[in-house]
C-alpha atoms as a PDB file:
ATOM      1  CA  MET A   1    -106.844  84.492  38.330  1.00  0.00           C
ATOM      2  CA  ASN A   2    -110.209  84.770  36.554  1.00  0.00           C
ATOM      3  CA  ARG A   3    -110.586  86.183  33.050  1.00  0.00           C
ATOM      4  CA  LEU A   4    -111.856  89.608  34.118  1.00  0.00           C
ATOM      5  CA  ALA A   5    -109.036  90.087  36.600  1.00  0.00           C
ATOM      6  CA  GLU A   6    -106.484  88.989  33.995  1.00  0.00           C
ATOM      7  CA  GLU A   7    -107.906  91.413  31.448  1.00  0.00           C
ATOM      8  CA  GLN A   8    -107.879  94.220  33.987  1.00  0.00           C
ATOM      9  CA  GLN A   9    -104.227  93.481  34.660  1.00  0.00           C
ATOM     10  CA  LEU A  10    -103.468  93.595  30.947  1.00  0.00           C
ATOM     11  CA  TRP A  11    -105.164  96.982  30.636  1.00  0.00           C
ATOM     12  CA  THR A  12    -103.201  98.301  33.603  1.00  0.00           C
ATOM     13  CA  ARG A  13     -99.895  97.121  32.160  1.00  0.00           C
ATOM     14  CA  TYR A  14    -100.765  98.507  28.729  1.00  0.00           C
ATOM     15  CA  ARG A  15    -101.945 101.911  29.919  1.00  0.00           C
ATOM     16  CA  SER A  16     -99.284 102.472  32.552  1.00  0.00           C
ATOM     17  CA  GLY A  17     -96.241 101.374  30.605  1.00  0.00           C
ATOM     18  CA  ASN A  18     -97.463 101.090  27.015  1.00  0.00           C
ATOM     19  CA  ASP A  19     -96.579  97.413  27.257  1.00  0.00           C
ATOM     20  CA  ALA A  20     -96.454  95.909  23.746  1.00  0.00           C
ATOM     21  CA  GLU A  21     -97.213  92.353  24.862  1.00  0.00           C
ATOM     22  CA  SER A  22    -100.321  93.435  26.780  1.00  0.00           C
ATOM     23  CA  HIS A  23    -101.464  95.492  23.814  1.00  0.00           C
ATOM     24  CA  GLN A  24    -101.113  92.511  21.474  1.00  0.00           C
ATOM     25  CA  ARG A  25    -102.949  90.142  23.808  1.00  0.00           C
ATOM     26  CA  LEU A  26    -105.837  92.562  24.243  1.00  0.00           C
ATOM     27  CA  PHE A  27    -105.961  93.211  20.524  1.00  0.00           C
ATOM     28  CA  PHE A  28    -106.112  89.544  19.539  1.00  0.00           C
ATOM     29  CA  HIS A  29    -108.696  88.926  22.243  1.00  0.00           C
ATOM     30  CA  TYR A  30    -111.040  91.588  20.856  1.00  0.00           C
ATOM     31  CA  VAL A  31    -110.430  91.222  17.104  1.00  0.00           C
ATOM     32  CA  PRO A  32    -113.069  88.453  16.681  1.00  0.00           C
ATOM     33  CA  TRP A  33    -115.565  90.651  18.541  1.00  0.00           C
ATOM     34  CA  ALA A  34    -114.746  93.669  16.324  1.00  0.00           C
ATOM     35  CA  ARG A  35    -115.196  91.521  13.221  1.00  0.00           C
ATOM     36  CA  ALA A  36    -118.618  90.457  14.543  1.00  0.00           C
ATOM     37  CA  VAL A  37    -119.562  94.136  14.837  1.00  0.00           C
ATOM     38  CA  ALA A  38    -118.389  94.682  11.261  1.00  0.00           C
ATOM     39  CA  ARG A  39    -120.311  91.607  10.087  1.00  0.00           C
ATOM     40  CA  ASP A  40    -123.525  93.057  11.522  1.00  0.00           C
ATOM     41  CA  VAL A  41    -122.985  96.258   9.514  1.00  0.00           C
ATOM     42  CA  TYR A  42    -122.050  94.203   6.437  1.00  0.00           C
ATOM     43  CA  ARG A  43    -125.335  92.297   6.618  1.00  0.00           C
ATOM     44  CA  ARG A  44    -127.403  95.440   7.046  1.00  0.00           C
ATOM     45  CA  VAL A  45    -125.580  97.834   4.684  1.00  0.00           C
ATOM     46  CA  ARG A  46    -124.151  95.964   1.714  1.00  0.00           C
ATOM     47  CA  ILE A  47    -122.289  97.907  -0.988  1.00  0.00           C
ATOM     48  CA  PRO A  48    -121.652  95.560  -3.941  1.00  0.00           C
ATOM     49  CA  GLN A  49    -118.303  97.123  -4.903  1.00  0.00           C
ATOM     50  CA  MET A  50    -116.986  96.939  -1.324  1.00  0.00           C
ATOM     51  CA  GLU A  51    -115.595  93.642  -0.071  1.00  0.00           C
ATOM     52  CA  TRP A  52    -116.088  92.099   3.367  1.00  0.00           C
ATOM     53  CA  ALA A  53    -112.357  92.564   4.015  1.00  0.00           C
ATOM     54  CA  ASP A  54    -112.844  96.352   3.806  1.00  0.00           C
ATOM     55  CA  TYR A  55    -115.512  96.257   6.520  1.00  0.00           C
ATOM     56  CA  ALA A  56    -113.260  94.089   8.714  1.00  0.00           C
ATOM     57  CA  GLN A  57    -110.255  96.356   8.191  1.00  0.00           C
ATOM     58  CA  ASN A  58    -112.235  99.460   9.160  1.00  0.00           C
ATOM     59  CA  ALA A  59    -113.476  97.661  12.288  1.00  0.00           C
ATOM     60  CA  THR A  60    -109.865  96.890  13.191  1.00  0.00           C
ATOM     61  CA  VAL A  61    -108.977 100.574  12.836  1.00  0.00           C
ATOM     62  CA  GLY A  62    -111.859 101.459  15.159  1.00  0.00           C
ATOM     63  CA  LEU A  63    -110.738  98.811  17.654  1.00  0.00           C
ATOM     64  CA  LEU A  64    -107.188 100.144  17.784  1.00  0.00           C
ATOM     65  CA  GLN A  65    -108.448 103.708  18.237  1.00  0.00           C
ATOM     66  CA  ALA A  66    -110.767 102.614  21.053  1.00  0.00           C
ATOM     67  CA  MET A  67    -107.941 100.726  22.787  1.00  0.00           C
ATOM     68  CA  THR A  68    -105.750 103.831  22.689  1.00  0.00           C
ATOM     69  CA  ARG A  69    -108.427 105.980  24.357  1.00  0.00           C
ATOM     70  CA  PHE A  70    -109.911 103.467  26.801  1.00  0.00           C
ATOM     71  CA  ASP A  71    -109.418 104.083  30.523  1.00  0.00           C
ATOM     72  CA  ALA A  72    -109.874 100.784  32.353  1.00  0.00           C
ATOM     73  CA  GLY A  73    -109.679 102.579  35.692  1.00  0.00           C
ATOM     74  CA  ARG A  74    -113.146 104.033  35.204  1.00  0.00           C
ATOM     75  CA  GLY A  75    -114.719 100.610  35.605  1.00  0.00           C
ATOM     76  CA  ILE A  76    -116.420 100.634  32.188  1.00  0.00           C
ATOM     77  CA  ASP A  77    -116.744  97.448  30.138  1.00  0.00           C
ATOM     78  CA  PHE A  78    -114.456  97.770  27.115  1.00  0.00           C
ATOM     79  CA  ALA A  79    -116.902  96.215  24.623  1.00  0.00           C
ATOM     80  CA  ALA A  80    -119.628  98.654  25.690  1.00  0.00           C
ATOM     81  CA  TYR A  81    -117.183 101.548  25.357  1.00  0.00           C
ATOM     82  CA  ALA A  82    -115.707 100.414  22.038  1.00  0.00           C
ATOM     83  CA  LYS A  83    -118.787  99.237  20.128  1.00  0.00           C
ATOM     84  CA  PRO A  84    -119.999 102.679  18.941  1.00  0.00           C
ATOM     85  CA  ARG A  85    -116.427 103.553  17.979  1.00  0.00           C
ATOM     86  CA  VAL A  86    -115.904 100.351  16.019  1.00  0.00           C
ATOM     87  CA  ARG A  87    -119.267 100.730  14.273  1.00  0.00           C
ATOM     88  CA  GLY A  88    -118.461 104.373  13.606  1.00  0.00           C
ATOM     89  CA  ALA A  89    -115.155 103.415  11.985  1.00  0.00           C
ATOM     90  CA  VAL A  90    -116.938 100.928   9.721  1.00  0.00           C
ATOM     91  CA  PHE A  91    -119.508 103.526   8.681  1.00  0.00           C
ATOM     92  CA  ASN A  92    -116.776 106.134   8.173  1.00  0.00           C
ATOM     93  CA  GLY A  93    -115.137 103.675   5.807  1.00  0.00           C
ATOM     94  CA  LEU A  94    -118.404 103.304   3.907  1.00  0.00           C
ATOM     95  CA  ARG A  95    -118.817 107.056   3.638  1.00  0.00           C
ATOM     96  CA  SER A  96    -115.236 107.503   2.420  1.00  0.00           C
ATOM     97  CA  PHE A  97    -115.691 104.759  -0.164  1.00  0.00           C
ATOM     98  CA  LEU A  98    -118.920 106.313  -1.454  1.00  0.00           C
ATOM     99  CA  ALA A  99    -117.355 109.791  -1.544  1.00  0.00           C
ATOM    100  CA  GLU A 100    -114.357 108.495  -3.509  1.00  0.00           C
ATOM    101  CA  SER A 101    -116.666 106.606  -5.879  1.00  0.00           C
ATOM    102  CA  ARG A 102    -118.697 109.740  -6.464  1.00  0.00           C
ATOM    103  CA  ALA A 103    -115.524 111.748  -7.097  1.00  0.00           C
ATOM    104  CA  ARG A 104    -114.341 109.157  -9.627  1.00  0.00           C
ATOM    105  CA  ASN A 105    -117.743 109.123 -11.308  1.00  0.00           C
ATOM    106  CA  ASP A 106    -117.878 112.931 -11.393  1.00  0.00           C
ATOM    107  CA  ASN A 107    -114.392 113.021 -12.884  1.00  0.00           C
ATOM    108  CA  ASN A 108    -115.384 110.483 -15.544  1.00  0.00           C
ATOM    109  CA  ARG A 109    -118.478 112.472 -16.408  1.00  0.00           C
ATOM    110  CA  TRP A 110    -116.411 115.665 -16.825  1.00  0.00           C
ATOM    111  CA  HIS A 111    -114.057 113.809 -19.160  1.00  0.00           C
ATOM    112  CA  GLU A 112    -117.024 112.577 -21.193  1.00  0.00           C
ATOM    113  CA  ARG A 113    -118.427 116.074 -21.443  1.00  0.00           C
ATOM    114  CA  ALA A 114    -115.104 117.518 -22.567  1.00  0.00           C
ATOM    115  CA  ALA A 115    -114.612 114.732 -25.123  1.00  0.00           C
ATOM    116  CA  SER A 116    -118.020 115.396 -26.661  1.00  0.00           C
ATOM    117  CA  PHE A 117    -116.778 118.823 -27.821  1.00  0.00           C
ATOM    118  CA  ASP A 118    -113.687 117.444 -29.587  1.00  0.00           C
ATOM    119  CA  ASP A 119    -114.071 117.873 -33.324  1.00  0.00           C
ATOM    120  CA  SER A 120    -111.004 117.640 -35.580  1.00  0.00           C
ATOM    121  CA  SER A 121    -112.882 119.455 -38.373  1.00  0.00           C
ATOM    122  CA  GLU A 122    -113.181 122.643 -36.319  1.00  0.00           C
ATOM    123  CA  ASP A 123    -110.610 125.415 -36.072  1.00  0.00           C
ATOM    124  CA  PRO A 124    -108.576 124.808 -32.858  1.00  0.00           C
ATOM    125  CA  LEU A 125    -109.592 128.180 -31.418  1.00  0.00           C
ATOM    126  CA  ASP A 126    -113.263 127.578 -32.195  1.00  0.00           C
ATOM    127  CA  GLN A 127    -112.990 124.118 -30.650  1.00  0.00           C
ATOM    128  CA  MET A 128    -111.440 125.525 -27.483  1.00  0.00           C
ATOM    129  CA  ILE A 129    -114.161 128.172 -27.186  1.00  0.00           C
ATOM    130  CA  SER A 130    -116.816 125.511 -27.781  1.00  0.00           C
ATOM    131  CA  SER A 131    -115.305 123.275 -25.077  1.00  0.00           C
ATOM    132  CA  VAL A 132    -114.973 126.028 -22.469  1.00  0.00           C
ATOM    133  CA  THR A 133    -118.470 127.418 -22.982  1.00  0.00           C
ATOM    134  CA  GLY A 134    -119.934 123.918 -23.173  1.00  0.00           C
ATOM    135  CA  LEU A 135    -118.335 122.833 -19.906  1.00  0.00           C
ATOM    136  CA  GLY A 136    -119.461 126.057 -18.258  1.00  0.00           C
ATOM    137  CA  LEU A 137    -123.022 125.453 -19.374  1.00  0.00           C
ATOM    138  CA  GLY A 138    -122.718 121.860 -18.172  1.00  0.00           C
ATOM    139  CA  PHE A 139    -121.726 123.126 -14.739  1.00  0.00           C
ATOM    140  CA  LEU A 140    -124.893 125.211 -14.605  1.00  0.00           C
ATOM    141  CA  LEU A 141    -126.967 122.214 -15.654  1.00  0.00           C
ATOM    142  CA  ASP A 142    -125.418 119.898 -13.097  1.00  0.00           C
ATOM    143  CA  ALA A 143    -127.889 119.376 -10.254  1.00  0.00           C
ATOM    144  CA  ASN A 144    -125.103 118.801  -7.716  1.00  0.00           C
ATOM    145  CA  ALA A 145    -123.287 121.951  -8.747  1.00  0.00           C
ATOM    146  CA  THR A 146    -126.484 123.964  -8.368  1.00  0.00           C
ATOM    147  CA  THR A 147    -127.078 122.710  -4.839  1.00  0.00           C
ATOM    148  CA  GLU A 148    -123.485 123.324  -3.752  1.00  0.00           C
ATOM    149  CA  LEU A 149    -123.409 126.788  -5.318  1.00  0.00           C
ATOM    150  CA  LEU A 150    -126.643 127.921  -3.681  1.00  0.00           C
ATOM    151  CA  ALA A 151    -125.540 126.520  -0.325  1.00  0.00           C
ATOM    152  CA  SER A 152    -122.289 128.492  -0.510  1.00  0.00           C
ATOM    153  CA  GLN A 153    -123.926 131.840  -1.271  1.00  0.00           C
ATOM    154  CA  SER A 154    -125.026 134.301   1.399  1.00  0.00           C
ATOM    155  CA  ASP A 155    -125.792 137.105  -1.088  1.00  0.00           C
ATOM    156  CA  ALA A 156    -129.556 137.073  -1.661  1.00  0.00           C
ATOM    157  CA  SER A 157    -129.253 138.795  -5.050  1.00  0.00           C
ATOM    158  CA  MET A 158    -126.796 136.173  -6.323  1.00  0.00           C
ATOM    159  CA  VAL A 159    -129.066 133.367  -5.140  1.00  0.00           C
ATOM    160  CA  ALA A 160    -132.008 135.027  -6.910  1.00  0.00           C
ATOM    161  CA  GLU A 161    -129.991 135.349 -10.127  1.00  0.00           C
ATOM    162  CA  ARG A 162    -129.009 131.694  -9.962  1.00  0.00           C
ATOM    163  CA  GLU A 163    -132.607 130.631  -9.367  1.00  0.00           C
ATOM    164  CA  GLN A 164    -133.658 132.726 -12.384  1.00  0.00           C
ATOM    165  CA  MET A 165    -130.969 131.014 -14.475  1.00  0.00           C
ATOM    166  CA  ASP A 166    -132.285 127.623 -13.356  1.00  0.00           C
ATOM    167  CA  VAL A 167    -135.732 128.587 -14.627  1.00  0.00           C
ATOM    168  CA  LEU A 168    -134.296 129.620 -18.012  1.00  0.00           C
ATOM    169  CA  LEU A 169    -132.246 126.415 -18.246  1.00  0.00           C
ATOM    170  CA  ALA A 170    -135.258 124.262 -17.386  1.00  0.00           C
ATOM    171  CA  GLY A 171    -137.244 125.963 -20.142  1.00  0.00           C
ATOM    172  CA  SER A 172    -134.439 125.458 -22.661  1.00  0.00           C
ATOM    173  CA  VAL A 173    -134.092 121.784 -21.764  1.00  0.00           C
ATOM    174  CA  ALA A 174    -137.851 121.284 -22.083  1.00  0.00           C
ATOM    175  CA  ARG A 175    -137.714 122.624 -25.663  1.00  0.00           C
ATOM    176  CA  LEU A 176    -134.995 120.200 -26.773  1.00  0.00           C
ATOM    177  CA  PRO A 177    -135.768 117.340 -29.184  1.00  0.00           C
ATOM    178  CA  GLU A 178    -136.707 114.197 -27.287  1.00  0.00           C
ATOM    179  CA  LYS A 179    -133.398 112.307 -27.487  1.00  0.00           C
ATOM    180  CA  GLU A 180    -131.316 115.368 -26.649  1.00  0.00           C
ATOM    181  CA  ARG A 181    -133.600 116.136 -23.709  1.00  0.00           C
ATOM    182  CA  LEU A 182    -133.238 112.553 -22.466  1.00  0.00           C
ATOM    183  CA  VAL A 183    -129.450 112.692 -22.672  1.00  0.00           C
ATOM    184  CA  VAL A 184    -129.288 115.993 -20.779  1.00  0.00           C
ATOM    185  CA  THR A 185    -131.746 114.841 -18.113  1.00  0.00           C
ATOM    186  CA  LEU A 186    -130.088 111.474 -17.545  1.00  0.00           C
ATOM    187  CA  HIS A 187    -126.559 112.875 -17.528  1.00  0.00           C
ATOM    188  CA  TYR A 188    -127.035 116.019 -15.453  1.00  0.00           C
ATOM    189  CA  HIS A 189    -129.975 115.145 -13.204  1.00  0.00           C
ATOM    190  CA  GLU A 190    -129.546 111.384 -12.789  1.00  0.00           C
ATOM    191  CA  HIS A 191    -125.717 111.595 -13.020  1.00  0.00           C
ATOM    192  CA  MET A 192    -125.490 108.744 -15.514  1.00  0.00           C
ATOM    193  CA  PRO A 193    -122.309 108.374 -17.588  1.00  0.00           C
ATOM    194  CA  PHE A 194    -122.595 108.278 -21.377  1.00  0.00           C
ATOM    195  CA  THR A 195    -121.950 104.504 -21.443  1.00  0.00           C
ATOM    196  CA  ASP A 196    -124.987 103.782 -19.253  1.00  0.00           C
ATOM    197  CA  ILE A 197    -127.169 106.213 -21.209  1.00  0.00           C
ATOM    198  CA  ALA A 198    -126.120 104.527 -24.451  1.00  0.00           C
ATOM    199  CA  GLU A 199    -127.108 101.127 -23.079  1.00  0.00           C
ATOM    200  CA  LEU A 200    -130.428 102.446 -21.805  1.00  0.00           C
ATOM    201  CA  LEU A 201    -131.360 104.132 -25.108  1.00  0.00           C
ATOM    202  CA  GLY A 202    -129.917 101.426 -27.346  1.00  0.00           C
ATOM    203  CA  LEU A 203    -127.405 103.795 -28.963  1.00  0.00           C
ATOM    204  CA  THR A 204    -123.619 103.948 -29.181  1.00  0.00           C
ATOM    205  CA  LYS A 205    -121.585 106.012 -26.754  1.00  0.00           C
ATOM    206  CA  GLY A 206    -120.377 108.097 -29.700  1.00  0.00           C
ATOM    207  CA  ARG A 207    -123.956 108.918 -30.629  1.00  0.00           C
ATOM    208  CA  ILE A 208    -124.722 109.954 -27.043  1.00  0.00           C
ATOM    209  CA  SER A 209    -121.689 112.240 -27.170  1.00  0.00           C
ATOM    210  CA  GLN A 210    -123.023 113.834 -30.368  1.00  0.00           C
ATOM    211  CA  LEU A 211    -126.477 114.318 -28.863  1.00  0.00           C
ATOM    212  CA  HIS A 212    -124.921 115.885 -25.776  1.00  0.00           C
ATOM    213  CA  LYS A 213    -122.937 118.385 -27.817  1.00  0.00           C
ATOM    214  CA  ALA A 214    -125.942 119.233 -29.998  1.00  0.00           C
ATOM    215  CA  ALA A 215    -128.148 119.711 -26.945  1.00  0.00           C
ATOM    216  CA  LEU A 216    -125.751 122.114 -25.244  1.00  0.00           C
ATOM    217  CA  GLU A 217    -125.255 124.100 -28.425  1.00  0.00           C
ATOM    218  CA  ARG A 218    -129.042 124.352 -28.796  1.00  0.00           C
ATOM    219  CA  ILE A 219    -129.448 125.463 -25.162  1.00  0.00           C
ATOM    220  CA  ARG A 220    -126.704 128.053 -25.578  1.00  0.00           C
ATOM    221  CA  ALA A 221    -128.390 129.431 -28.697  1.00  0.00           C
ATOM    222  CA  GLN A 222    -131.735 129.666 -26.894  1.00  0.00           C
ATOM    223  CA  LEU A 223    -130.179 131.504 -23.943  1.00  0.00           C
ATOM    224  CA  ARG A 224    -128.339 133.889 -26.277  1.00  0.00           C
ATOM    225  CA  ALA A 225    -131.537 134.602 -28.205  1.00  0.00           C
ATOM    226  CA  GLY A 226    -133.373 135.304 -24.966  1.00  0.00           C
ATOM    227  CA  ALA A 227    -130.644 137.649 -23.750  1.00  0.00           C
ATOM    228  CA  GLU A 228    -130.646 139.548 -27.054  1.00  0.00           C
ATOM    229  CA  ALA A 229    -134.433 139.881 -27.252  1.00  0.00           C
ATOM    230  CA  PRO A 230    -135.742 143.401 -26.525  1.00  0.00           C
ATOM    231  CA  GLN A 231    -137.102 143.779 -23.007  1.00  0.00           C
ATOM    232  CA  THR A 232    -140.736 144.874 -22.689  1.00  0.00           C
ATOM    233  CA  VAL A 233    -141.820 147.168 -19.896  1.00  0.00           C
END
């Protein structure tokens, strides 16, 4: 019996009776091929924090899924059928990894923002108010938050109000002292954590935290002054 006929027999046994031995033999036959598909992706799209083993594991997941859905009776070559599914599983793994990394980074940045408002010399109530209003202002400054908020709104008036707020915020940021403006821009627009900003500017992380708090307090004061100014007709 030639190789193709033997493989066809294995597929028939596996699909008709869910034969475990046939499934294992097919799997071990195609694992090296699936790893070669993963290696091609690994060479083209390299993420430093992601190991080769992660690419290979995702390819294996794609292989198993393709084996479950493959119908050998249709006369289609399995490798041709499975390749886009194996590649897709590898890329899905990359996307999940990047999404989780972004979530971790976003979470770390929120912790840094909250910590910058901690001040043991303040009254606890004043400190809480400062933290809540500061984090709220930070949300408005966050470029990602702006994009997601606008995308979720169907009310034209709300979108217009948000766009007007963005203009006011941009003006307030532009009027900040240089170092405060740099911290706000790097943290909210470039999504850099305080540690990286400190290294870039040659300052301590504690100093970056102080500059962040001062900048948001200054922006809040500017916005309040603008809201309280008499409107001209």
